[in-house]
């Protein structure tokens, strides 16, 4: 929930299930399904997301593994968008635009790829993910894309040091096309 009335929020719920089958000692495959619903707070609208996909992981060696999820999401979004009026209507009404209720159905890939390698007390991971997420207060339904590299080092019995660096974007999906990147 946002403190500023200029920003929107959302509230919602998720449910999901997955089934995996170990084919060999090194290979596992499966399927997953997820449902997400969130209502916008401070403005009209909501989003329903149904995601279906397959998962696959393989251990190349006891210290190196690749984990993947590949699927697709179906988004149903309702909301408000600004529409420019005909110049004659704008003159009569005294405003250049109006709000219009919209309903959109979109499809988006759902991807998650991780490569992990561990040597002694140090683990290194590379990851990429793309999927649907609630917005950030300005964008109401977003496509989030992330890439990261992480290092985790166990130093003794009680200490663990870790660091992560990455790239992250939120792109408006459904009603707006705004984009934020870090």
N, C-alpha and C. Protein backbone atom coordinates (compact mmCIF):
# COMPACT_ATOMS: atom_id res chain seq x y z
N UNK A 1 0.84 -1.18 0.00
CA UNK A 1 0.00 0.00 0.00
C UNK A 1 0.89 1.24 0.00
N UNK A 2 0.59 2.17 -0.88
CA UNK A 2 1.42 3.36 -1.04
C UNK A 2 0.96 4.47 -0.10
N UNK A 3 1.91 5.26 0.38
CA UNK A 3 1.62 6.40 1.26
C UNK A 3 1.04 7.56 0.46
N UNK A 4 1.57 7.81 -0.74
CA UNK A 4 1.15 8.95 -1.55
C UNK A 4 -0.13 8.61 -2.32
N UNK A 5 -1.06 9.57 -2.36
CA UNK A 5 -2.28 9.35 -3.13
C UNK A 5 -2.03 9.47 -4.63
N UNK A 6 -0.84 9.95 -5.04
CA UNK A 6 -0.49 10.03 -6.45
C UNK A 6 -0.07 8.67 -7.01
N UNK A 7 0.24 7.72 -6.12
CA UNK A 7 0.65 6.39 -6.56
C UNK A 7 -0.47 5.39 -6.32
N UNK A 8 -0.55 4.41 -7.20
CA UNK A 8 -1.54 3.35 -7.06
C UNK A 8 -0.92 2.14 -6.38
N UNK A 9 -1.75 1.25 -5.92
CA UNK A 9 -1.27 0.02 -5.30
C UNK A 9 -2.07 -1.15 -5.83
N UNK A 10 -1.85 -2.29 -5.22
CA UNK A 10 -2.62 -3.47 -5.59
C UNK A 10 -2.66 -4.44 -4.41
N UNK A 11 -3.66 -5.26 -4.44
CA UNK A 11 -3.78 -6.32 -3.45
C UNK A 11 -4.29 -7.55 -4.19
N UNK A 12 -3.86 -8.72 -3.77
CA UNK A 12 -4.27 -9.89 -4.54
C UNK A 12 -3.89 -11.19 -3.88
N UNK A 13 -3.93 -12.26 -4.67
CA UNK A 13 -3.61 -13.58 -4.16
C UNK A 13 -3.06 -14.44 -5.30
N UNK A 14 -2.35 -15.51 -4.91
CA UNK A 14 -1.76 -16.43 -5.86
C UNK A 14 -2.02 -17.86 -5.43
N UNK A 15 -2.06 -18.75 -6.40
CA UNK A 15 -2.12 -20.18 -6.14
C UNK A 15 -1.37 -20.87 -7.27
N UNK A 16 -0.79 -22.00 -6.97
CA UNK A 16 -0.06 -22.70 -8.01
C UNK A 16 0.24 -24.14 -7.62
N UNK A 17 0.65 -24.91 -8.60
CA UNK A 17 1.01 -26.30 -8.36
C UNK A 17 2.03 -26.72 -9.40
N UNK A 18 2.88 -27.64 -9.02
CA UNK A 18 3.80 -28.20 -10.00
C UNK A 18 4.05 -29.67 -9.66
N UNK A 19 4.39 -30.41 -10.68
CA UNK A 19 4.69 -31.83 -10.55
C UNK A 19 6.01 -32.07 -11.27
N UNK A 20 6.93 -32.75 -10.61
CA UNK A 20 8.23 -33.05 -11.22
C UNK A 20 8.49 -34.54 -11.16
N UNK A 21 9.20 -35.04 -12.16
CA UNK A 21 9.52 -36.45 -12.23
C UNK A 21 11.02 -36.58 -12.50
N UNK A 22 11.69 -37.33 -11.67
CA UNK A 22 13.12 -37.55 -11.85
C UNK A 22 13.30 -38.67 -12.87
N UNK A 23 13.83 -38.32 -14.03
CA UNK A 23 14.02 -39.28 -15.11
C UNK A 23 15.25 -40.14 -14.85
N UNK A 24 16.35 -39.49 -14.50
CA UNK A 24 17.59 -40.18 -14.12
C UNK A 24 18.13 -39.50 -12.87
N UNK A 25 19.28 -39.94 -12.41
CA UNK A 25 19.89 -39.30 -11.24
C UNK A 25 20.23 -37.83 -11.51
N UNK A 26 20.39 -37.49 -12.79
CA UNK A 26 20.85 -36.15 -13.15
C UNK A 26 19.80 -35.29 -13.83
N UNK A 27 18.69 -35.87 -14.26
CA UNK A 27 17.71 -35.12 -15.05
C UNK A 27 16.33 -35.21 -14.39
N UNK A 28 15.70 -34.04 -14.23
CA UNK A 28 14.34 -33.95 -13.70
C UNK A 28 13.52 -33.07 -14.63
N UNK A 29 12.29 -33.46 -14.89
CA UNK A 29 11.40 -32.67 -15.73
C UNK A 29 10.04 -32.57 -15.05
N UNK A 30 9.25 -31.59 -15.45
CA UNK A 30 7.94 -31.43 -14.83
C UNK A 30 7.09 -30.40 -15.54
N UNK A 31 5.92 -30.15 -14.97
CA UNK A 31 5.01 -29.13 -15.45
C UNK A 31 4.59 -28.25 -14.27
N UNK A 32 4.23 -27.01 -14.56
CA UNK A 32 3.76 -26.11 -13.50
C UNK A 32 2.59 -25.27 -14.01
N UNK A 33 1.76 -24.85 -13.06
CA UNK A 33 0.63 -23.97 -13.34
C UNK A 33 0.55 -22.95 -12.20
N UNK A 34 0.25 -21.71 -12.53
CA UNK A 34 0.06 -20.69 -11.52
C UNK A 34 -1.08 -19.76 -11.88
N UNK A 35 -1.80 -19.31 -10.87
CA UNK A 35 -2.87 -18.34 -11.06
C UNK A 35 -2.60 -17.17 -10.12
N UNK A 36 -2.69 -15.95 -10.65
CA UNK A 36 -2.51 -14.74 -9.85
C UNK A 36 -3.65 -13.79 -10.17
N UNK A 37 -4.21 -13.18 -9.13
CA UNK A 37 -5.23 -12.14 -9.31
C UNK A 37 -4.83 -10.97 -8.43
N UNK A 38 -4.85 -9.76 -8.99
CA UNK A 38 -4.66 -8.58 -8.16
C UNK A 38 -5.58 -7.46 -8.63
N UNK A 39 -6.14 -6.76 -7.62
CA UNK A 39 -7.00 -5.60 -7.84
C UNK A 39 -6.17 -4.34 -7.63
N UNK A 40 -6.41 -3.33 -8.44
CA UNK A 40 -5.72 -2.06 -8.30
C UNK A 40 -6.37 -1.25 -7.19
N UNK A 41 -5.56 -0.58 -6.39
CA UNK A 41 -6.05 0.28 -5.32
C UNK A 41 -5.79 1.73 -5.72
N UNK A 42 -6.80 2.56 -5.65
CA UNK A 42 -6.66 3.97 -6.02
C UNK A 42 -7.11 4.26 -7.43
N UNK A 43 -7.47 3.23 -8.17
CA UNK A 43 -7.98 3.40 -9.52
C UNK A 43 -8.79 2.15 -9.88
N UNK A 44 -9.55 2.24 -10.95
CA UNK A 44 -10.38 1.12 -11.40
C UNK A 44 -9.51 0.09 -12.11
N UNK A 45 -9.74 -1.19 -11.83
CA UNK A 45 -9.12 -2.24 -12.63
C UNK A 45 -8.58 -3.40 -11.83
N UNK A 46 -8.23 -4.45 -12.58
CA UNK A 46 -7.65 -5.66 -12.00
C UNK A 46 -6.95 -6.44 -13.10
N UNK A 47 -6.16 -7.44 -12.68
CA UNK A 47 -5.49 -8.33 -13.63
C UNK A 47 -5.60 -9.76 -13.14
N UNK A 48 -5.89 -10.68 -14.07
CA UNK A 48 -5.85 -12.12 -13.81
C UNK A 48 -4.77 -12.71 -14.70
N UNK A 49 -3.90 -13.55 -14.11
CA UNK A 49 -2.80 -14.16 -14.85
C UNK A 49 -2.86 -15.66 -14.68
N UNK A 50 -2.93 -16.40 -15.78
CA UNK A 50 -2.83 -17.85 -15.80
C UNK A 50 -1.53 -18.22 -16.48
N UNK A 51 -0.67 -18.99 -15.79
CA UNK A 51 0.64 -19.35 -16.32
C UNK A 51 0.76 -20.87 -16.35
N UNK A 52 1.25 -21.39 -17.48
CA UNK A 52 1.43 -22.83 -17.66
C UNK A 52 2.77 -23.04 -18.34
N UNK A 53 3.52 -24.05 -17.88
CA UNK A 53 4.81 -24.30 -18.51
C UNK A 53 5.44 -25.61 -18.10
N UNK A 54 6.64 -25.83 -18.59
CA UNK A 54 7.40 -27.03 -18.28
C UNK A 54 8.70 -26.63 -17.58
N UNK A 55 9.20 -27.55 -16.75
CA UNK A 55 10.47 -27.32 -16.07
C UNK A 55 11.43 -28.46 -16.42
N UNK A 56 12.72 -28.14 -16.42
CA UNK A 56 13.73 -29.12 -16.76
C UNK A 56 15.00 -28.75 -16.02
N UNK A 57 15.59 -29.70 -15.35
CA UNK A 57 16.88 -29.44 -14.70
C UNK A 57 17.81 -30.62 -14.96
N UNK A 58 19.08 -30.28 -15.05
CA UNK A 58 20.10 -31.30 -15.29
C UNK A 58 21.33 -30.97 -14.45
N UNK A 59 21.88 -31.99 -13.83
CA UNK A 59 23.12 -31.86 -13.09
C UNK A 59 24.23 -32.37 -13.99
N UNK A 60 25.04 -31.46 -14.53
CA UNK A 60 26.15 -31.85 -15.41
C UNK A 60 27.22 -32.60 -14.64
N UNK A 61 27.49 -32.09 -13.43
CA UNK A 61 28.44 -32.72 -12.50
C UNK A 61 27.81 -32.57 -11.12
N UNK A 62 28.39 -33.18 -10.09
CA UNK A 62 27.84 -32.97 -8.74
C UNK A 62 27.87 -31.51 -8.28
N UNK A 63 28.66 -30.68 -8.93
CA UNK A 63 28.77 -29.28 -8.51
C UNK A 63 28.17 -28.27 -9.48
N UNK A 64 27.69 -28.72 -10.64
CA UNK A 64 27.16 -27.80 -11.64
C UNK A 64 25.79 -28.28 -12.11
N UNK A 65 24.80 -27.37 -12.05
CA UNK A 65 23.48 -27.74 -12.53
C UNK A 65 22.81 -26.58 -13.26
N UNK A 66 21.94 -26.94 -14.19
CA UNK A 66 21.14 -25.99 -14.96
C UNK A 66 19.68 -26.24 -14.62
N UNK A 67 18.95 -25.17 -14.27
CA UNK A 67 17.54 -25.27 -13.90
C UNK A 67 16.77 -24.32 -14.82
N UNK A 68 15.74 -24.83 -15.49
CA UNK A 68 14.97 -24.00 -16.42
C UNK A 68 13.47 -24.16 -16.19
N UNK A 69 12.77 -23.09 -16.47
CA UNK A 69 11.30 -23.08 -16.53
C UNK A 69 10.93 -22.29 -17.78
N UNK A 70 10.10 -22.89 -18.63
CA UNK A 70 9.69 -22.22 -19.86
C UNK A 70 8.18 -22.40 -19.99
N UNK A 71 7.48 -21.29 -20.11
CA UNK A 71 6.03 -21.35 -20.23
C UNK A 71 5.47 -20.08 -20.83
N UNK A 72 4.16 -19.91 -20.63
CA UNK A 72 3.48 -18.73 -21.16
C UNK A 72 2.40 -18.30 -20.17
N UNK A 73 2.15 -17.01 -20.14
CA UNK A 73 1.11 -16.44 -19.28
C UNK A 73 0.04 -15.77 -20.14
N UNK A 74 -1.20 -15.94 -19.71
CA UNK A 74 -2.33 -15.25 -20.34
C UNK A 74 -2.82 -14.22 -19.33
N UNK A 75 -2.82 -12.96 -19.73
CA UNK A 75 -3.22 -11.86 -18.86
C UNK A 75 -4.56 -11.30 -19.32
N UNK A 76 -5.47 -11.10 -18.38
CA UNK A 76 -6.71 -10.38 -18.63
C UNK A 76 -6.68 -9.16 -17.72
N UNK A 77 -6.66 -7.98 -18.32
CA UNK A 77 -6.54 -6.74 -17.56
C UNK A 77 -7.71 -5.82 -17.86
N UNK A 78 -8.30 -5.27 -16.81
CA UNK A 78 -9.27 -4.20 -16.95
C UNK A 78 -8.67 -2.96 -16.31
N UNK A 79 -8.97 -1.80 -16.83
CA UNK A 79 -8.42 -0.58 -16.27
C UNK A 79 -8.94 0.64 -17.00
N UNK A 80 -8.29 1.75 -16.74
CA UNK A 80 -8.64 3.03 -17.36
C UNK A 80 -7.48 3.52 -18.19
N UNK A 81 -7.80 4.14 -19.31
CA UNK A 81 -6.78 4.76 -20.14
C UNK A 81 -7.29 6.11 -20.60
N UNK A 82 -6.37 7.02 -20.87
CA UNK A 82 -6.73 8.35 -21.34
C UNK A 82 -6.87 8.34 -22.86
N UNK A 83 -7.93 8.96 -23.35
CA UNK A 83 -8.21 9.01 -24.79
C UNK A 83 -8.36 10.48 -25.20
N UNK A 84 -7.64 10.86 -26.26
CA UNK A 84 -7.77 12.22 -26.80
C UNK A 84 -9.12 12.36 -27.49
N UNK A 85 -9.78 13.51 -27.25
CA UNK A 85 -11.08 13.77 -27.87
C UNK A 85 -10.91 14.45 -29.23
N UNK A 86 -11.91 14.31 -30.05
CA UNK A 86 -12.00 15.03 -31.30
C UNK A 86 -11.92 16.53 -30.97
N UNK A 87 -11.20 17.34 -31.76
CA UNK A 87 -11.04 18.76 -31.43
C UNK A 87 -12.37 19.50 -31.23
N UNK A 88 -13.42 19.14 -31.99
CA UNK A 88 -14.72 19.78 -31.83
C UNK A 88 -15.33 19.41 -30.48
N UNK A 89 -15.25 18.13 -30.10
CA UNK A 89 -15.76 17.70 -28.79
C UNK A 89 -14.96 18.33 -27.66
N UNK A 90 -13.65 18.44 -27.86
CA UNK A 90 -12.80 19.06 -26.83
C UNK A 90 -13.20 20.51 -26.61
N UNK A 91 -13.54 21.23 -27.68
CA UNK A 91 -13.97 22.62 -27.57
C UNK A 91 -15.31 22.72 -26.85
N UNK A 92 -16.25 21.83 -27.17
CA UNK A 92 -17.57 21.84 -26.52
C UNK A 92 -17.49 21.46 -25.05
N UNK A 93 -16.66 20.45 -24.72
CA UNK A 93 -16.59 19.95 -23.34
C UNK A 93 -15.56 20.68 -22.48
N UNK A 94 -14.67 21.40 -23.10
CA UNK A 94 -13.68 22.16 -22.34
C UNK A 94 -12.51 21.32 -21.85
N UNK A 95 -12.33 20.14 -22.38
CA UNK A 95 -11.19 19.28 -22.00
C UNK A 95 -10.73 18.53 -23.24
N UNK A 96 -9.43 18.26 -23.32
CA UNK A 96 -8.86 17.62 -24.50
C UNK A 96 -8.88 16.10 -24.46
N UNK A 97 -9.19 15.52 -23.28
CA UNK A 97 -9.17 14.06 -23.18
C UNK A 97 -10.20 13.58 -22.18
N UNK A 98 -10.43 12.28 -22.20
CA UNK A 98 -11.35 11.65 -21.25
C UNK A 98 -10.80 10.29 -20.88
N UNK A 99 -11.37 9.69 -19.85
CA UNK A 99 -10.97 8.34 -19.45
C UNK A 99 -11.89 7.31 -20.09
N UNK A 100 -11.31 6.18 -20.46
CA UNK A 100 -12.08 5.11 -21.07
C UNK A 100 -11.75 3.80 -20.36
N UNK A 101 -12.77 3.03 -20.03
CA UNK A 101 -12.56 1.71 -19.44
C UNK A 101 -12.13 0.75 -20.55
N UNK A 102 -11.09 -0.06 -20.28
CA UNK A 102 -10.59 -0.99 -21.28
C UNK A 102 -10.50 -2.40 -20.71
N UNK A 103 -10.59 -3.36 -21.60
CA UNK A 103 -10.39 -4.77 -21.28
C UNK A 103 -9.43 -5.32 -22.32
N UNK A 104 -8.30 -5.88 -21.84
CA UNK A 104 -7.30 -6.38 -22.77
C UNK A 104 -6.89 -7.80 -22.38
N UNK A 105 -6.66 -8.62 -23.40
CA UNK A 105 -6.11 -9.96 -23.21
C UNK A 105 -4.76 -9.97 -23.91
N UNK A 106 -3.72 -10.34 -23.18
CA UNK A 106 -2.38 -10.38 -23.74
C UNK A 106 -1.73 -11.70 -23.35
N UNK A 107 -0.68 -12.05 -24.07
CA UNK A 107 0.11 -13.25 -23.77
C UNK A 107 1.56 -12.85 -23.60
N UNK A 108 2.26 -13.52 -22.70
CA UNK A 108 3.64 -13.19 -22.41
C UNK A 108 4.41 -14.45 -22.07
N UNK A 109 5.67 -14.55 -22.52
CA UNK A 109 6.46 -15.72 -22.13
C UNK A 109 6.81 -15.68 -20.64
N UNK A 110 6.95 -16.85 -20.04
CA UNK A 110 7.37 -17.00 -18.66
C UNK A 110 8.66 -17.82 -18.69
N UNK A 111 9.79 -17.18 -18.37
CA UNK A 111 11.09 -17.83 -18.47
C UNK A 111 11.85 -17.69 -17.16
N UNK A 112 12.58 -18.73 -16.81
CA UNK A 112 13.48 -18.68 -15.66
C UNK A 112 14.61 -19.66 -15.94
N UNK A 113 15.83 -19.16 -16.03
CA UNK A 113 17.00 -19.99 -16.31
C UNK A 113 18.06 -19.68 -15.28
N UNK A 114 18.58 -20.72 -14.63
CA UNK A 114 19.63 -20.55 -13.62
C UNK A 114 20.74 -21.56 -13.88
N UNK A 115 21.97 -21.10 -13.79
CA UNK A 115 23.14 -21.96 -13.86
C UNK A 115 23.88 -21.81 -12.55
N UNK A 116 24.09 -22.91 -11.83
CA UNK A 116 24.75 -22.88 -10.53
C UNK A 116 26.00 -23.74 -10.57
N UNK A 117 27.06 -23.24 -9.94
CA UNK A 117 28.31 -23.99 -9.84
C UNK A 117 28.89 -23.79 -8.45
N UNK A 118 29.31 -24.87 -7.82
CA UNK A 118 29.86 -24.79 -6.47
C UNK A 118 31.24 -25.41 -6.45
N UNK A 119 32.19 -24.69 -5.86
CA UNK A 119 33.54 -25.19 -5.67
C UNK A 119 33.89 -24.97 -4.21
N UNK A 120 34.15 -26.06 -3.50
CA UNK A 120 34.50 -26.01 -2.09
C UNK A 120 33.42 -25.24 -1.32
N UNK A 121 33.75 -24.12 -0.71
CA UNK A 121 32.80 -23.33 0.09
C UNK A 121 32.24 -22.13 -0.66
N UNK A 122 32.44 -22.09 -1.99
CA UNK A 122 31.98 -20.96 -2.79
C UNK A 122 31.00 -21.44 -3.86
N UNK A 123 29.88 -20.74 -3.96
CA UNK A 123 28.87 -21.05 -4.99
C UNK A 123 28.68 -19.81 -5.86
N UNK A 124 28.62 -20.01 -7.18
CA UNK A 124 28.41 -18.94 -8.13
C UNK A 124 27.15 -19.27 -8.93
N UNK A 125 26.31 -18.26 -9.16
CA UNK A 125 25.09 -18.50 -9.94
C UNK A 125 24.88 -17.39 -10.96
N UNK A 126 24.36 -17.78 -12.11
CA UNK A 126 23.93 -16.85 -13.16
C UNK A 126 22.45 -17.11 -13.37
N UNK A 127 21.65 -16.04 -13.49
CA UNK A 127 20.21 -16.23 -13.62
C UNK A 127 19.60 -15.19 -14.56
N UNK A 128 18.53 -15.62 -15.25
CA UNK A 128 17.72 -14.73 -16.08
C UNK A 128 16.27 -15.12 -15.88
N UNK A 129 15.39 -14.14 -15.73
CA UNK A 129 13.97 -14.42 -15.56
C UNK A 129 13.15 -13.35 -16.27
N UNK A 130 12.00 -13.75 -16.78
CA UNK A 130 11.04 -12.83 -17.40
C UNK A 130 9.65 -13.35 -17.07
N UNK A 131 8.81 -12.47 -16.52
CA UNK A 131 7.46 -12.88 -16.17
C UNK A 131 6.60 -11.70 -15.78
N UNK A 132 5.37 -11.99 -15.40
CA UNK A 132 4.38 -10.97 -15.05
C UNK A 132 4.44 -10.72 -13.55
N UNK A 133 4.31 -9.45 -13.17
CA UNK A 133 4.30 -9.08 -11.76
C UNK A 133 3.38 -7.88 -11.56
N UNK A 134 2.83 -7.69 -10.35
CA UNK A 134 2.09 -6.45 -10.10
C UNK A 134 3.03 -5.26 -10.27
N UNK A 135 2.47 -4.10 -10.46
CA UNK A 135 3.26 -2.92 -10.78
C UNK A 135 3.99 -2.30 -9.60
N UNK A 136 4.49 -1.08 -9.82
CA UNK A 136 5.33 -0.39 -8.85
C UNK A 136 4.69 0.89 -8.31
N UNK A 137 3.40 1.09 -8.48
CA UNK A 137 2.74 2.31 -8.03
C UNK A 137 2.40 3.25 -9.16
N UNK A 138 3.12 3.16 -10.27
CA UNK A 138 2.84 3.94 -11.46
C UNK A 138 2.33 3.01 -12.56
N UNK A 139 3.07 1.92 -12.80
CA UNK A 139 2.64 0.89 -13.74
C UNK A 139 1.81 -0.12 -12.95
N UNK A 140 0.64 -0.47 -13.46
CA UNK A 140 -0.26 -1.35 -12.70
C UNK A 140 -0.04 -2.83 -12.96
N UNK A 141 0.28 -3.22 -14.17
CA UNK A 141 0.64 -4.60 -14.49
C UNK A 141 1.94 -4.54 -15.26
N UNK A 142 2.94 -5.29 -14.81
CA UNK A 142 4.28 -5.16 -15.37
C UNK A 142 4.83 -6.48 -15.89
N UNK A 143 5.70 -6.36 -16.86
CA UNK A 143 6.56 -7.46 -17.26
C UNK A 143 7.90 -7.16 -16.62
N UNK A 144 8.37 -8.10 -15.79
CA UNK A 144 9.64 -7.91 -15.11
C UNK A 144 10.68 -8.80 -15.77
N UNK A 145 11.81 -8.19 -16.08
CA UNK A 145 12.92 -8.91 -16.68
C UNK A 145 14.14 -8.68 -15.81
N UNK A 146 14.81 -9.75 -15.40
CA UNK A 146 15.99 -9.63 -14.54
C UNK A 146 17.11 -10.53 -15.03
N UNK A 147 18.33 -10.08 -14.81
CA UNK A 147 19.52 -10.89 -15.05
C UNK A 147 20.45 -10.61 -13.88
N UNK A 148 21.07 -11.65 -13.34
CA UNK A 148 21.92 -11.44 -12.17
C UNK A 148 23.05 -12.45 -12.13
N UNK A 149 24.07 -12.07 -11.37
CA UNK A 149 25.17 -12.96 -11.04
C UNK A 149 25.36 -12.86 -9.53
N UNK A 150 25.54 -14.00 -8.89
CA UNK A 150 25.68 -14.02 -7.45
C UNK A 150 26.82 -14.91 -7.00
N UNK A 151 27.42 -14.54 -5.88
CA UNK A 151 28.49 -15.33 -5.28
C UNK A 151 28.16 -15.50 -3.81
N UNK A 152 28.30 -16.72 -3.33
CA UNK A 152 28.02 -17.03 -1.93
C UNK A 152 29.21 -17.80 -1.38
N UNK A 153 29.77 -17.33 -0.28
CA UNK A 153 30.97 -17.94 0.30
C UNK A 153 30.72 -18.27 1.76
N UNK A 154 30.86 -19.54 2.11
CA UNK A 154 30.76 -19.96 3.49
C UNK A 154 32.13 -19.82 4.13
N UNK A 155 32.19 -18.98 5.16
CA UNK A 155 33.46 -18.70 5.83
C UNK A 155 33.38 -19.17 7.27
N UNK A 156 33.76 -20.36 7.50
CA UNK A 156 33.71 -20.89 8.86
C UNK A 156 32.34 -21.46 9.18
N UNK A 157 32.18 -21.78 10.44
CA UNK A 157 30.96 -22.44 10.88
C UNK A 157 29.76 -21.51 10.97
N UNK A 158 29.99 -20.25 11.33
CA UNK A 158 28.88 -19.33 11.60
C UNK A 158 28.74 -18.19 10.61
N UNK A 159 29.66 -18.03 9.68
CA UNK A 159 29.64 -16.88 8.79
C UNK A 159 29.41 -17.29 7.34
N UNK A 160 28.66 -16.46 6.67
CA UNK A 160 28.38 -16.65 5.26
C UNK A 160 28.39 -15.27 4.60
N UNK A 161 29.11 -15.11 3.52
CA UNK A 161 29.18 -13.84 2.80
C UNK A 161 28.61 -14.06 1.41
N UNK A 162 27.76 -13.12 0.98
CA UNK A 162 27.19 -13.24 -0.35
C UNK A 162 27.04 -11.88 -0.99
N UNK A 163 27.03 -11.87 -2.30
CA UNK A 163 26.83 -10.64 -3.05
C UNK A 163 26.14 -10.95 -4.36
N UNK A 164 25.34 -10.02 -4.81
CA UNK A 164 24.61 -10.18 -6.06
C UNK A 164 24.66 -8.87 -6.83
N UNK A 165 24.79 -8.97 -8.12
CA UNK A 165 24.73 -7.81 -8.99
C UNK A 165 23.80 -8.17 -10.14
N UNK A 166 23.05 -7.18 -10.62
CA UNK A 166 22.14 -7.53 -11.68
C UNK A 166 21.52 -6.34 -12.38
N UNK A 167 20.65 -6.67 -13.28
CA UNK A 167 19.91 -5.71 -14.10
C UNK A 167 18.43 -6.07 -13.97
N UNK A 168 17.58 -5.05 -13.87
CA UNK A 168 16.16 -5.28 -13.61
C UNK A 168 15.34 -4.23 -14.37
N UNK A 169 14.26 -4.67 -15.04
CA UNK A 169 13.36 -3.73 -15.70
C UNK A 169 11.91 -4.07 -15.36
N UNK A 170 11.10 -3.05 -15.31
CA UNK A 170 9.65 -3.19 -15.23
C UNK A 170 9.09 -2.45 -16.44
N UNK A 171 8.32 -3.15 -17.26
CA UNK A 171 7.71 -2.54 -18.44
C UNK A 171 6.20 -2.64 -18.31
N UNK A 172 5.52 -1.52 -18.56
CA UNK A 172 4.07 -1.52 -18.51
C UNK A 172 3.49 -2.50 -19.51
N UNK A 173 2.43 -3.18 -19.12
CA UNK A 173 1.84 -4.20 -19.98
C UNK A 173 0.33 -4.11 -19.87
N UNK A 174 -0.35 -4.12 -20.98
CA UNK A 174 -1.80 -4.11 -20.95
C UNK A 174 -2.36 -2.74 -21.26
N UNK A 175 -2.12 -1.76 -20.38
CA UNK A 175 -2.74 -0.45 -20.56
C UNK A 175 -1.71 0.65 -20.79
N UNK A 176 -0.52 0.54 -20.22
CA UNK A 176 0.51 1.56 -20.37
C UNK A 176 1.78 0.95 -20.91
N UNK A 177 2.64 1.77 -21.50
CA UNK A 177 3.90 1.26 -22.05
C UNK A 177 5.10 1.87 -21.35
N UNK A 178 4.95 2.40 -20.14
CA UNK A 178 6.06 2.98 -19.41
C UNK A 178 7.09 1.91 -19.08
N UNK A 179 8.36 2.34 -18.84
CA UNK A 179 9.41 1.39 -18.54
C UNK A 179 10.36 1.98 -17.50
N UNK A 180 10.74 1.16 -16.53
CA UNK A 180 11.72 1.54 -15.51
C UNK A 180 12.84 0.53 -15.53
N UNK A 181 14.06 1.00 -15.39
CA UNK A 181 15.23 0.12 -15.48
C UNK A 181 16.23 0.45 -14.40
N UNK A 182 16.83 -0.58 -13.82
CA UNK A 182 17.89 -0.35 -12.84
C UNK A 182 18.97 -1.39 -13.01
